[in-house]
Amino acid sequence: KETDISFKHSLVQLHNGKTCVEVDKYLDHIGVWDKKFGLLATHDHAMLFT
């Protein structure tokens, strides 16, 4: 779970100048790659870290 949290945190930091909606679109875009690593990235998490 620690890796999951850092991954999501890093993702939002990289897009820290973008809105929640823009981050959400990015998370949707990498959704398949994300699942490959067994990580969970959702709109709710994006809002939480934004």
Protein backbone atom coordinates (compact mmCIF):
# COMPACT_ATOMS: atom_id res chain seq x y z
CA LYS A 1 0.00 0.00 0.00
CA GLU A 2 2.92 2.35 0.61
CA THR A 3 3.99 2.10 -3.03
CA ASP A 4 0.42 2.77 -4.10
CA ILE A 5 0.28 5.97 -2.06
CA SER A 6 3.66 7.28 -3.21
CA PHE A 7 2.77 6.56 -6.83
CA LYS A 8 -0.46 8.54 -6.65
CA HIS A 9 1.23 11.33 -4.70
CA SER A 10 4.03 11.61 -7.29
CA LEU A 11 1.51 11.60 -10.14
CA VAL A 12 -0.40 14.55 -8.72
CA GLN A 13 2.83 16.39 -7.90
CA LEU A 14 3.94 16.07 -11.53
CA HIS A 15 0.66 17.66 -12.62
CA ASN A 16 0.47 20.04 -9.71
CA GLY A 17 -0.31 22.99 -11.97
CA LYS A 18 -3.37 21.25 -13.40
CA THR A 19 -6.92 21.06 -12.13
CA CYS A 20 -8.55 17.96 -10.64
CA VAL A 21 -10.33 17.37 -13.94
CA GLU A 22 -7.06 17.49 -15.90
CA VAL A 23 -5.40 15.13 -13.43
CA ASP A 24 -8.44 12.85 -13.67
CA LYS A 25 -8.07 12.70 -17.47
CA TYR A 26 -4.38 11.84 -17.07
CA LEU A 27 -5.17 9.06 -14.59
CA ASP A 28 -7.78 7.69 -17.01
CA HIS A 29 -5.19 7.75 -19.80
CA ILE A 30 -2.70 5.62 -17.85
CA GLY A 31 -5.39 3.45 -16.30
CA VAL A 32 -4.25 0.29 -18.09
CA TRP A 33 -0.56 0.82 -17.30
CA ASP A 34 -1.54 1.62 -13.75
CA LYS A 35 -3.38 -1.69 -13.24
CA LYS A 36 -0.32 -3.53 -14.56
CA PHE A 37 1.43 -2.66 -11.32
CA GLY A 38 -1.61 -3.38 -9.18
CA LEU A 39 -1.98 0.28 -8.29
CA LEU A 40 -5.21 2.17 -7.88
CA ALA A 41 -5.57 5.66 -9.32
CA THR A 42 -9.01 7.23 -9.29
CA HIS A 43 -10.59 10.68 -9.52
CA ASP A 44 -11.20 10.59 -5.74
CA HIS A 45 -7.52 10.05 -5.03
CA ALA A 46 -6.57 12.82 -7.45
CA MET A 47 -8.84 15.22 -5.55
CA LEU A 48 -7.44 14.05 -2.23
CA PHE A 49 -3.84 14.87 -3.18
CA THR A 50 -4.59 18.04 -5.14
